[in-house]
PDB file of N, CA and C in Angstrom:
ATOM      1  N   MET A   1     125.809  44.904  16.651  1.00  0.00           N
ATOM      2  CA  MET A   1     126.688  44.457  17.712  1.00  0.00           C
ATOM      3  C   MET A   1     125.842  44.147  18.952  1.00  0.00           C
ATOM      4  N   ALA A   2     126.074  43.002  19.552  1.00  0.00           N
ATOM      5  CA  ALA A   2     125.309  42.574  20.725  1.00  0.00           C
ATOM      6  C   ALA A   2     125.801  43.306  21.972  1.00  0.00           C
ATOM      7  N   LYS A   3     124.866  43.589  22.840  1.00  0.00           N
ATOM      8  CA  LYS A   3     125.213  44.218  24.115  1.00  0.00           C
ATOM      9  C   LYS A   3     125.842  43.175  25.028  1.00  0.00           C
ATOM     10  N   ILE A   4     126.965  43.523  25.626  1.00  0.00           N
ATOM     11  CA  ILE A   4     127.654  42.609  26.536  1.00  0.00           C
ATOM     12  C   ILE A   4     127.282  42.973  27.966  1.00  0.00           C
ATOM     13  N   ASN A   5     126.688  42.023  28.663  1.00  0.00           N
ATOM     14  CA  ASN A   5     126.335  42.238  30.064  1.00  0.00           C
ATOM     15  C   ASN A   5     127.489  41.784  30.939  1.00  0.00           C
ATOM     16  N   LYS A   6     128.014  42.704  31.716  1.00  0.00           N
ATOM     17  CA  LYS A   6     129.091  42.379  32.634  1.00  0.00           C
ATOM     18  C   LYS A   6     128.520  42.206  34.029  1.00  0.00           C
ATOM     19  N   LYS A   7     129.166  41.360  34.795  1.00  0.00           N
ATOM     20  CA  LYS A   7     128.765  41.133  36.181  1.00  0.00           C
ATOM     21  C   LYS A   7     129.953  41.467  37.070  1.00  0.00           C
ATOM     22  N   PHE A   8     129.637  41.882  38.296  1.00  0.00           N
ATOM     23  CA  PHE A   8     130.665  42.346  39.206  1.00  0.00           C
ATOM     24  C   PHE A   8     130.512  41.722  40.589  1.00  0.00           C
ATOM     25  N   LYS A   9     131.649  41.644  41.290  1.00  0.00           N
ATOM     26  CA  LYS A   9     131.682  41.252  42.700  1.00  0.00           C
ATOM     27  C   LYS A   9     132.166  42.471  43.472  1.00  0.00           C
ATOM     28  N   LEU A  10     131.653  42.633  44.658  1.00  0.00           N
ATOM     29  CA  LEU A  10     132.067  43.744  45.492  1.00  0.00           C
ATOM     30  C   LEU A  10     132.472  43.194  46.852  1.00  0.00           C
ATOM     31  N   PHE A  11     133.697  43.496  47.245  1.00  0.00           N
ATOM     32  CA  PHE A  11     134.214  43.071  48.537  1.00  0.00           C
ATOM     33  C   PHE A  11     134.290  44.283  49.456  1.00  0.00           C
ATOM     34  N   ILE A  12     133.790  44.138  50.655  1.00  0.00           N
ATOM     35  CA  ILE A  12     133.865  45.203  51.660  1.00  0.00           C
ATOM     36  C   ILE A  12     134.632  44.661  52.858  1.00  0.00           C
ATOM     37  N   ASP A  13     135.730  45.324  53.175  1.00  0.00           N
ATOM     38  CA  ASP A  13     136.478  44.967  54.385  1.00  0.00           C
ATOM     39  C   ASP A  13     135.739  45.614  55.549  1.00  0.00           C
ATOM     40  N   GLU A  14     134.976  44.815  56.242  1.00  0.00           N
ATOM     41  CA  GLU A  14     134.091  45.324  57.290  1.00  0.00           C
ATOM     42  C   GLU A  14     134.846  45.990  58.429  1.00  0.00           C
ATOM     43  N   GLU A  15     136.061  45.586  58.673  1.00  0.00           N
ATOM     44  CA  GLU A  15     136.812  46.178  59.781  1.00  0.00           C
ATOM     45  C   GLU A  15     137.467  47.500  59.396  1.00  0.00           C
ATOM     46  N   LEU A  16     137.659  47.743  58.111  1.00  0.00           N
ATOM     47  CA  LEU A  16     138.167  49.041  57.668  1.00  0.00           C
ATOM     48  C   LEU A  16     137.049  50.072  57.515  1.00  0.00           C
ATOM     49  N   CYS A  17     135.849  49.605  57.213  1.00  0.00           N
ATOM     50  CA  CYS A  17     134.712  50.500  56.956  1.00  0.00           C
ATOM     51  C   CYS A  17     134.372  51.296  58.215  1.00  0.00           C
ATOM     52  N   LYS A  18     134.175  52.609  58.030  1.00  0.00           N
ATOM     53  CA  LYS A  18     133.800  53.451  59.166  1.00  0.00           C
ATOM     54  C   LYS A  18     132.341  53.899  59.086  1.00  0.00           C
ATOM     55  N   GLY A  19     131.570  53.282  58.194  1.00  0.00           N
ATOM     56  CA  GLY A  19     130.147  53.551  58.131  1.00  0.00           C
ATOM     57  C   GLY A  19     129.777  54.946  57.667  1.00  0.00           C
ATOM     58  N   CYS A  20     130.606  55.556  56.848  1.00  0.00           N
ATOM     59  CA  CYS A  20     130.323  56.925  56.387  1.00  0.00           C
ATOM     60  C   CYS A  20     129.191  56.967  55.365  1.00  0.00           C
ATOM     61  N   ASN A  21     128.920  55.837  54.720  1.00  0.00           N
ATOM     62  CA  ASN A  21     127.848  55.682  53.728  1.00  0.00           C
ATOM     63  C   ASN A  21     128.023  56.540  52.485  1.00  0.00           C
ATOM     64  N   ILE A  22     129.242  56.970  52.203  1.00  0.00           N
ATOM     65  CA  ILE A  22     129.496  57.691  50.957  1.00  0.00           C
ATOM     66  C   ILE A  22     129.158  56.795  49.767  1.00  0.00           C
ATOM     67  N   CYS A  23     129.507  55.538  49.841  1.00  0.00           N
ATOM     68  CA  CYS A  23     129.209  54.605  48.750  1.00  0.00           C
ATOM     69  C   CYS A  23     127.702  54.485  48.527  1.00  0.00           C
ATOM     70  N   VAL A  24     126.956  54.453  49.612  1.00  0.00           N
ATOM     71  CA  VAL A  24     125.496  54.350  49.523  1.00  0.00           C
ATOM     72  C   VAL A  24     124.922  55.591  48.845  1.00  0.00           C
ATOM     73  N   GLU A  25     125.391  56.757  49.237  1.00  0.00           N
ATOM     74  CA  GLU A  25     124.871  58.022  48.714  1.00  0.00           C
ATOM     75  C   GLU A  25     125.271  58.274  47.264  1.00  0.00           C
ATOM     76  N   LEU A  26     126.478  57.872  46.877  1.00  0.00           N
ATOM     77  CA  LEU A  26     126.960  58.182  45.533  1.00  0.00           C
ATOM     78  C   LEU A  26     126.535  57.183  44.468  1.00  0.00           C
ATOM     79  N   CYS A  27     126.060  56.031  44.857  1.00  0.00           N
ATOM     80  CA  CYS A  27     125.663  55.023  43.873  1.00  0.00           C
ATOM     81  C   CYS A  27     124.329  55.406  43.232  1.00  0.00           C
ATOM     82  N   ASN A  28     124.392  55.781  41.956  1.00  0.00           N
ATOM     83  CA  ASN A  28     123.187  56.176  41.216  1.00  0.00           C
ATOM     84  C   ASN A  28     122.245  55.012  40.961  1.00  0.00           C
ATOM     85  N   LEU A  29     122.758  53.794  41.047  1.00  0.00           N
ATOM     86  CA  LEU A  29     121.945  52.614  40.771  1.00  0.00           C
ATOM     87  C   LEU A  29     121.389  51.969  42.036  1.00  0.00           C
ATOM     88  N   HIS A  30     121.667  52.577  43.177  1.00  0.00           N
ATOM     89  CA  HIS A  30     121.127  52.129  44.476  1.00  0.00           C
ATOM     90  C   HIS A  30     121.468  50.664  44.770  1.00  0.00           C
ATOM     91  N   VAL A  31     122.721  50.324  44.515  1.00  0.00           N
ATOM     92  CA  VAL A  31     123.187  48.957  44.740  1.00  0.00           C
ATOM     93  C   VAL A  31     123.253  48.629  46.233  1.00  0.00           C
ATOM     94  N   PHE A  32     123.550  49.626  47.069  1.00  0.00           N
ATOM     95  CA  PHE A  32     123.796  49.394  48.495  1.00  0.00           C
ATOM     96  C   PHE A  32     122.578  49.649  49.372  1.00  0.00           C
ATOM     97  N   ASP A  33     122.532  48.904  50.456  1.00  0.00           N
ATOM     98  CA  ASP A  33     121.653  49.181  51.589  1.00  0.00           C
ATOM     99  C   ASP A  33     122.547  49.261  52.823  1.00  0.00           C
ATOM    100  N   ILE A  34     122.040  49.852  53.859  1.00  0.00           N
ATOM    101  CA  ILE A  34     122.776  49.886  55.121  1.00  0.00           C
ATOM    102  C   ILE A  34     122.334  48.681  55.937  1.00  0.00           C
ATOM    103  N   SER A  35     123.284  47.889  56.313  1.00  0.00           N
ATOM    104  CA  SER A  35     123.018  46.662  57.042  1.00  0.00           C
ATOM    105  C   SER A  35     122.748  46.945  58.515  1.00  0.00           C
ATOM    106  N   PRO A  36     121.966  46.110  59.156  1.00  0.00           N
ATOM    107  CA  PRO A  36     121.843  46.219  60.612  1.00  0.00           C
ATOM    108  C   PRO A  36     123.078  45.660  61.325  1.00  0.00           C
ATOM    109  N   LYS A  37     123.981  45.055  60.537  1.00  0.00           N
ATOM    110  CA  LYS A  37     125.204  44.476  61.091  1.00  0.00           C
ATOM    111  C   LYS A  37     126.187  45.579  61.475  1.00  0.00           C
ATOM    112  N   ILE A  38     126.801  45.433  62.638  1.00  0.00           N
ATOM    113  CA  ILE A  38     127.759  46.408  63.147  1.00  0.00           C
ATOM    114  C   ILE A  38     129.139  45.753  63.198  1.00  0.00           C
ATOM    115  N   ASN A  39     130.169  46.493  62.751  1.00  0.00           N
ATOM    116  CA  ASN A  39     131.528  45.952  62.821  1.00  0.00           C
ATOM    117  C   ASN A  39     132.098  46.133  64.225  1.00  0.00           C
ATOM    118  N   ASN A  40     133.349  45.726  64.419  1.00  0.00           N
ATOM    119  CA  ASN A  40     133.969  45.798  65.754  1.00  0.00           C
ATOM    120  C   ASN A  40     134.167  47.221  66.253  1.00  0.00           C
ATOM    121  N   LYS A  41     134.123  48.203  65.350  1.00  0.00           N
ATOM    122  CA  LYS A  41     134.265  49.606  65.741  1.00  0.00           C
ATOM    123  C   LYS A  41     132.918  50.249  66.060  1.00  0.00           C
ATOM    124  N   GLY A  42     131.823  49.518  65.830  1.00  0.00           N
ATOM    125  CA  GLY A  42     130.491  50.029  66.135  1.00  0.00           C
ATOM    126  C   GLY A  42     129.804  50.729  64.976  1.00  0.00           C
ATOM    127  N   TYR A  43     130.293  50.519  63.751  1.00  0.00           N
ATOM    128  CA  TYR A  43     129.712  51.168  62.575  1.00  0.00           C
ATOM    129  C   TYR A  43     128.807  50.205  61.813  1.00  0.00           C
ATOM    130  N   TYR A  44     127.715  50.742  61.284  1.00  0.00           N
ATOM    131  CA  TYR A  44     126.842  49.967  60.413  1.00  0.00           C
ATOM    132  C   TYR A  44     127.489  49.861  59.035  1.00  0.00           C
ATOM    133  N   ILE A  45     127.538  48.666  58.509  1.00  0.00           N
ATOM    134  CA  ILE A  45     128.253  48.374  57.276  1.00  0.00           C
ATOM    135  C   ILE A  45     127.297  48.389  56.087  1.00  0.00           C
ATOM    136  N   PRO A  46     127.663  49.045  54.981  1.00  0.00           N
ATOM    137  CA  PRO A  46     126.846  48.963  53.778  1.00  0.00           C
ATOM    138  C   PRO A  46     126.970  47.564  53.158  1.00  0.00           C
ATOM    139  N   VAL A  47     125.914  47.118  52.537  1.00  0.00           N
ATOM    140  CA  VAL A  47     125.939  45.821  51.863  1.00  0.00           C
ATOM    141  C   VAL A  47     125.418  45.991  50.435  1.00  0.00           C
ATOM    142  N   PRO A  48     126.045  45.302  49.486  1.00  0.00           N
ATOM    143  CA  PRO A  48     125.588  45.369  48.101  1.00  0.00           C
ATOM    144  C   PRO A  48     124.390  44.446  47.876  1.00  0.00           C
ATOM    145  N   GLU A  49     123.208  44.923  48.188  1.00  0.00           N
ATOM    146  CA  GLU A  49     121.993  44.112  48.085  1.00  0.00           C
ATOM    147  C   GLU A  49     121.544  43.898  46.642  1.00  0.00           C
ATOM    148  N   ARG A  50     121.913  44.821  45.759  1.00  0.00           N
ATOM    149  CA  ARG A  50     121.490  44.715  44.358  1.00  0.00           C
ATOM    150  C   ARG A  50     122.707  44.760  43.436  1.00  0.00           C
ATOM    151  N   ILE A  51     123.663  43.869  43.691  1.00  0.00           N
ATOM    152  CA  ILE A  51     124.899  43.843  42.912  1.00  0.00           C
ATOM    153  C   ILE A  51     124.635  43.558  41.441  1.00  0.00           C
ATOM    154  N   GLU A  52     123.545  42.901  41.144  1.00  0.00           N
ATOM    155  CA  GLU A  52     123.213  42.629  39.736  1.00  0.00           C
ATOM    156  C   GLU A  52     122.916  43.913  38.960  1.00  0.00           C
ATOM    157  N   ASP A  53     122.620  45.001  39.656  1.00  0.00           N
ATOM    158  CA  ASP A  53     122.373  46.293  39.013  1.00  0.00           C
ATOM    159  C   ASP A  53     123.656  47.102  38.793  1.00  0.00           C
ATOM    160  N   CYS A  54     124.768  46.650  39.337  1.00  0.00           N
ATOM    161  CA  CYS A  54     126.036  47.381  39.254  1.00  0.00           C
ATOM    162  C   CYS A  54     126.519  47.437  37.805  1.00  0.00           C
ATOM    163  N   ASN A  55     126.957  48.626  37.379  1.00  0.00           N
ATOM    164  CA  ASN A  55     127.479  48.777  36.018  1.00  0.00           C
ATOM    165  C   ASN A  55     129.001  48.919  36.003  1.00  0.00           C
ATOM    166  N   GLY A  56     129.653  48.788  37.155  1.00  0.00           N
ATOM    167  CA  GLY A  56     131.105  48.817  37.225  1.00  0.00           C
ATOM    168  C   GLY A  56     131.729  50.195  37.154  1.00  0.00           C
ATOM    169  N   CYS A  57     130.996  51.232  37.478  1.00  0.00           N
ATOM    170  CA  CYS A  57     131.511  52.602  37.369  1.00  0.00           C
ATOM    171  C   CYS A  57     132.625  52.897  38.372  1.00  0.00           C
ATOM    172  N   GLN A  58     132.714  52.143  39.432  1.00  0.00           N
ATOM    173  CA  GLN A  58     133.730  52.235  40.481  1.00  0.00           C
ATOM    174  C   GLN A  58     133.626  53.490  41.349  1.00  0.00           C
ATOM    175  N   ILE A  59     132.528  54.210  41.286  1.00  0.00           N
ATOM    176  CA  ILE A  59     132.386  55.392  42.138  1.00  0.00           C
ATOM    177  C   ILE A  59     132.479  55.006  43.615  1.00  0.00           C
ATOM    178  N   CYS A  60     131.881  53.889  43.976  1.00  0.00           N
ATOM    179  CA  CYS A  60     131.943  53.449  45.372  1.00  0.00           C
ATOM    180  C   CYS A  60     133.380  53.183  45.795  1.00  0.00           C
ATOM    181  N   GLU A  61     134.096  52.467  44.963  1.00  0.00           N
ATOM    182  CA  GLU A  61     135.477  52.103  45.277  1.00  0.00           C
ATOM    183  C   GLU A  61     136.387  53.330  45.327  1.00  0.00           C
ATOM    184  N   LEU A  62     136.248  54.211  44.372  1.00  0.00           N
ATOM    185  CA  LEU A  62     137.116  55.385  44.278  1.00  0.00           C
ATOM    186  C   LEU A  62     136.815  56.444  45.332  1.00  0.00           C
ATOM    187  N   SER A  63     135.596  56.464  45.839  1.00  0.00           N
ATOM    188  CA  SER A  63     135.218  57.492  46.804  1.00  0.00           C
ATOM    189  C   SER A  63     135.361  57.052  48.263  1.00  0.00           C
ATOM    190  N   CYS A  64     135.666  55.795  48.491  1.00  0.00           N
ATOM    191  CA  CYS A  64     135.774  55.288  49.860  1.00  0.00           C
ATOM    192  C   CYS A  64     137.020  55.852  50.542  1.00  0.00           C
ATOM    193  N   PRO A  65     136.851  56.665  51.592  1.00  0.00           N
ATOM    194  CA  PRO A  65     138.021  57.259  52.256  1.00  0.00           C
ATOM    195  C   PRO A  65     138.886  56.242  52.984  1.00  0.00           C
ATOM    196  N   GLU A  66     138.325  55.101  53.325  1.00  0.00           N
ATOM    197  CA  GLU A  66     139.075  54.073  54.055  1.00  0.00           C
ATOM    198  C   GLU A  66     139.620  52.977  53.147  1.00  0.00           C
ATOM    199  N   LEU A  67     139.348  53.075  51.833  1.00  0.00           N
ATOM    200  CA  LEU A  67     139.771  52.058  50.865  1.00  0.00           C
ATOM    201  C   LEU A  67     139.282  50.667  51.267  1.00  0.00           C
ATOM    202  N   SER A  68     138.044  50.601  51.743  1.00  0.00           N
ATOM    203  CA  SER A  68     137.510  49.329  52.230  1.00  0.00           C
ATOM    204  C   SER A  68     136.686  48.585  51.178  1.00  0.00           C
ATOM    205  N   LEU A  69     136.539  49.164  49.982  1.00  0.00           N
ATOM    206  CA  LEU A  69     135.761  48.533  48.919  1.00  0.00           C
ATOM    207  C   LEU A  69     136.651  48.120  47.764  1.00  0.00           C
ATOM    208  N   ILE A  70     136.395  46.946  47.236  1.00  0.00           N
ATOM    209  CA  ILE A  70     137.076  46.486  46.021  1.00  0.00           C
ATOM    210  C   ILE A  70     136.002  45.943  45.080  1.00  0.00           C
ATOM    211  N   LEU A  71     135.958  46.479  43.880  1.00  0.00           N
ATOM    212  CA  LEU A  71     135.004  46.046  42.865  1.00  0.00           C
ATOM    213  C   LEU A  71     135.768  45.271  41.810  1.00  0.00           C
ATOM    214  N   GLU A  72     135.302  44.072  41.498  1.00  0.00           N
ATOM    215  CA  GLU A  72     135.946  43.238  40.487  1.00  0.00           C
ATOM    216  C   GLU A  72     134.917  42.775  39.476  1.00  0.00           C
ATOM    217  N   GLU A  73     135.349  42.745  38.212  1.00  0.00           N
ATOM    218  CA  GLU A  73     134.504  42.187  37.166  1.00  0.00           C
ATOM    219  C   GLU A  73     134.609  40.677  37.193  1.00  0.00           C
ATOM    220  N   ILE A  74     133.492  40.003  37.069  1.00  0.00           N
ATOM    221  CA  ILE A  74     133.478  38.546  37.001  1.00  0.00           C
ATOM    222  C   ILE A  74     133.694  38.168  35.543  1.00  0.00           C
ATOM    223  N   ARG A  75     134.732  37.402  35.278  1.00  0.00           N
ATOM    224  CA  ARG A  75     135.035  36.948  33.915  1.00  0.00           C
ATOM    225  C   ARG A  75     134.183  35.730  33.613  1.00  0.00           C
ATOM    226  N   LEU A  76     133.370  35.848  32.597  1.00  0.00           N
ATOM    227  CA  LEU A  76     132.496  34.728  32.229  1.00  0.00           C
ATOM    228  C   LEU A  76     133.129  33.847  31.194  1.00  0.00           C
TER     229      LEU A  76
END
């Protein structure tokens, strides 16, 4: 059986994000970096710099206290 490689998109609502970096800390694959970009509330926003490494575990999405992350599988 061939291995199926899935790809994902990650949306971050920058205005909901409070910069807690829980997503950054919990991602075992180190998909996120902390951006120098600041939202309107003054928080540094995480960015998915290595989204190609994402395996779709949804830990980032499920652990976000502000519900500011949405992870979607890209249908090929």
